[in-house]
Structure formats: structure tokens, C-alpha cells
Amino acid sequence: MTQVIQSLLTPILLMQINLRLLTIKAILISILGKLTMTTKSSNYYRVTIKPSMASFDCAENESILKGAAKCGLYLCSNCQRGECGTCKVKMKKGQVKLDRFMLSALSPSEIDANYTLACRSYPRDHVELVAQLVGHVEAKHYERQED
């Protein structure tokens, strides 16, 4: 009888151990990702916003939305977590790393049409976007106000 109980409990215990290991792995990945995103980067990429032709330099470890704000430029945004789609912009040139987001904010067909979310996009190359900036914007390069 004890062998039967033991043989039934072993797979359950193994499943519980596996679930705990997966949870720990997910936590570690999350922590490492945050550490990576907060380390200072020496790679900056030029981001140009059309039609205003305003440009700024954005670090590879900061979102385009935050990089713009550090230069005094403001893109329309709301949640800043990739959930609402308010900061949706059209990519004309360049590459970005698109971080996690909700499909309600950006659909697969929009991704195919070169749209991205400024709050979840990290430049990997010089980027040219079509987006609406908030306020009066001149056609010039904007310097970083803080670093």
C-alpha cells in the first residue's frame, strides 16, 4: 500500500518542484532584465521624428519615449507599459528591440506595417519615425537634458 501511495505522490512532487524552479527562473530573468536595462550604455542612436524633423540621441537601454523626454521632446503616451497603444508610431528606417506589450496595443498586422510602441521600443540602429510630438517643436537636433 505504501508503495502505491509513494508511486502516486512522486510525479506530483516532481511537478511541484518543476513549477517552483520555473517560478524562480522567471524571477531571475526579470531581475536580470531590469539590471540590464538600468546599466549605463555608451551606445546612442539618432532618432528623427517626421514630419517635424526634430531629432535626438537615444541610448540603446532606454525606450524611445524616455529618450525623447530626456531631450525635452514629448510623444503622445498614456500607460508607458505597452498596454494602451497611445504611443504607437510608424517606423520608416532603422531597427528597434520591441519589449513585451499587449496585443490590444499593437496588433500583428500593425507590426507587419512597421508600427511600433515608443514606450516599448529600444533603438538598435539610427531610427526614423512618423509621429506627432506634443507642443511647439523646431526642426533641429535636441540635446539631452539629463543623463
Protein backbone atom coordinates (compact mmCIF):
# COMPACT_ATOMS: atom_id res chain seq x y z
CA MET A 1 0.00 0.00 0.00
CA THR A 2 2.77 2.46 0.84
CA GLN A 3 4.47 1.71 -2.49
CA VAL A 4 1.28 2.56 -4.35
CA ILE A 5 0.91 5.85 -2.46
CA GLN A 6 4.59 6.62 -2.98
CA SER A 7 4.36 5.90 -6.72
CA LEU A 8 1.36 8.25 -6.97
CA LEU A 9 2.98 11.04 -4.94
CA THR A 10 6.33 11.03 -6.76
CA PRO A 11 5.03 12.59 -10.03
CA ILE A 12 3.03 15.17 -8.07
CA LEU A 13 6.08 16.14 -6.01
CA LEU A 14 8.21 16.38 -9.16
CA MET A 15 5.61 18.63 -10.79
CA GLN A 16 5.60 20.91 -7.73
CA ILE A 17 9.40 21.10 -7.78
CA ASN A 18 9.38 21.89 -11.50
CA LEU A 19 6.80 24.65 -11.00
CA ARG A 20 8.89 26.19 -8.22
CA LEU A 21 12.02 26.04 -10.39
CA LEU A 22 10.17 27.70 -13.27
CA THR A 23 8.95 30.43 -10.94
CA ILE A 24 12.47 31.04 -9.64
CA LYS A 25 13.80 31.10 -13.22
CA ALA A 26 11.16 33.67 -14.24
CA ILE A 27 12.03 35.86 -11.25
CA LEU A 28 15.75 35.70 -12.06
CA ILE A 29 15.14 36.55 -15.71
CA SER A 30 13.01 39.51 -14.64
CA ILE A 31 15.71 40.76 -12.23
CA LEU A 32 18.47 40.32 -14.79
CA GLY A 33 16.40 42.13 -17.41
CA LYS A 34 15.89 45.08 -15.06
CA LEU A 35 19.59 45.17 -14.22
CA THR A 36 20.47 45.17 -17.91
CA MET A 37 18.03 47.99 -18.61
CA THR A 38 19.43 50.19 -15.81
CA THR A 39 23.12 49.88 -16.63
CA LYS A 40 24.65 52.88 -18.36
CA SER A 41 25.01 52.43 -22.08
CA SER A 42 27.58 54.02 -24.32
CA ASN A 43 25.62 53.22 -27.49
CA TYR A 44 23.42 56.08 -28.60
CA TYR A 45 21.38 56.16 -31.78
CA ARG A 46 19.92 59.15 -33.61
CA VAL A 47 16.13 59.18 -33.66
CA THR A 48 14.46 61.52 -36.16
CA ILE A 49 10.75 62.31 -35.90
CA LYS A 50 8.83 63.19 -39.06
CA PRO A 51 7.14 65.41 -40.15
CA SER A 52 8.72 67.88 -37.65
CA MET A 53 12.28 66.71 -38.47
CA ALA A 54 13.23 67.01 -34.79
CA SER A 55 15.96 64.58 -33.76
CA PHE A 56 17.57 63.38 -30.55
CA ASP A 57 20.05 60.77 -29.36
CA CYS A 58 18.58 57.77 -27.56
CA ALA A 59 20.57 55.21 -25.56
CA GLU A 60 20.08 51.59 -26.52
CA ASN A 61 18.94 50.79 -22.97
CA GLU A 62 16.14 53.38 -22.85
CA SER A 63 12.86 53.46 -24.67
CA ILE A 64 12.36 55.95 -27.47
CA LEU A 65 9.65 57.57 -25.34
CA LYS A 66 12.06 58.13 -22.40
CA GLY A 67 14.91 59.17 -24.68
CA ALA A 68 12.72 61.82 -26.27
CA ALA A 69 11.62 63.12 -22.86
CA LYS A 70 15.26 63.43 -21.74
CA CYS A 71 15.75 65.77 -24.69
CA GLY A 72 12.64 67.84 -23.97
CA LEU A 73 10.52 66.21 -26.68
CA TYR A 74 7.21 64.59 -25.82
CA LEU A 75 5.40 61.93 -27.79
CA CYS A 76 1.75 61.19 -27.04
CA SER A 77 1.63 58.50 -24.37
CA ASN A 78 -0.51 57.22 -21.55
CA CYS A 79 0.31 53.96 -19.77
CA GLN A 80 4.03 53.65 -20.70
CA ARG A 81 3.73 49.86 -20.28
CA GLY A 82 2.71 48.74 -23.76
CA GLU A 83 -0.93 48.31 -22.85
CA CYS A 84 -2.84 51.22 -24.40
CA GLY A 85 -1.30 51.94 -27.82
CA THR A 86 -1.32 55.73 -27.36
CA CYS A 87 2.40 55.96 -28.20
CA LYS A 88 2.10 53.98 -31.44
CA VAL A 89 4.48 55.32 -34.12
CA LYS A 90 5.37 54.27 -37.66
CA MET A 91 8.95 53.18 -38.35
CA LYS A 92 10.40 54.47 -41.62
CA LYS A 93 14.04 53.45 -41.13
CA GLY A 94 16.18 51.63 -38.61
CA GLN A 95 15.66 48.84 -36.12
CA VAL A 96 14.34 48.67 -32.58
CA LYS A 97 14.06 45.97 -29.97
CA LEU A 98 10.38 45.74 -29.11
CA ASP A 99 9.87 44.76 -25.48
CA ARG A 100 6.79 42.97 -24.13
CA PHE A 101 3.43 44.55 -24.87
CA MET A 102 -0.26 43.66 -25.10
CA LEU A 103 -1.77 42.74 -28.45
CA SER A 104 -4.58 45.19 -27.75
CA ALA A 105 -1.96 47.97 -28.02
CA LEU A 106 -0.26 46.74 -31.20
CA SER A 107 -1.66 44.05 -33.49
CA PRO A 108 0.39 41.65 -35.64
CA SER A 109 -0.88 43.41 -38.78
CA GLU A 110 0.33 46.76 -37.40
CA ILE A 111 3.74 45.24 -36.68
CA ASP A 112 3.82 43.97 -40.28
CA ALA A 113 3.04 47.53 -41.39
CA ASN A 114 6.11 48.79 -39.43
CA TYR A 115 4.30 50.27 -36.44
CA THR A 116 5.84 50.05 -33.00
CA LEU A 117 5.22 51.39 -29.48
CA ALA A 118 7.58 54.19 -28.44
CA CYS A 119 7.30 53.15 -24.78
CA ARG A 120 8.46 49.57 -25.52
CA SER A 121 10.95 50.23 -28.35
CA TYR A 122 14.69 50.39 -27.75
CA PRO A 123 16.84 51.60 -30.66
CA ARG A 124 19.33 49.20 -32.25
CA ASP A 125 20.18 51.50 -35.13
CA HIS A 126 19.55 55.08 -36.24
CA VAL A 127 15.76 55.35 -36.42
CA GLU A 128 13.34 57.47 -38.41
CA LEU A 129 9.73 57.61 -37.17
CA VAL A 130 6.50 59.22 -38.18
CA ALA A 131 4.89 60.53 -35.00
CA GLN A 132 3.10 63.51 -33.54
CA LEU A 133 5.08 65.46 -30.94
CA VAL A 134 3.35 67.44 -28.21
CA GLY A 135 3.89 71.22 -28.14
CA HIS A 136 5.90 73.53 -30.38
CA VAL A 137 8.80 71.66 -31.98
CA GLU A 138 11.55 73.02 -34.20
CA ALA A 139 13.31 71.13 -36.97
CA LYS A 140 16.61 70.68 -35.12
CA HIS A 141 18.65 68.23 -33.06
CA TYR A 142 17.65 68.31 -29.39
CA GLU A 143 20.40 67.72 -26.81
CA ARG A 144 19.93 65.51 -23.76
CA GLN A 145 18.94 67.48 -20.69
CA GLU A 146 19.90 64.79 -18.19
CA ASP A 147 21.88 61.58 -18.21
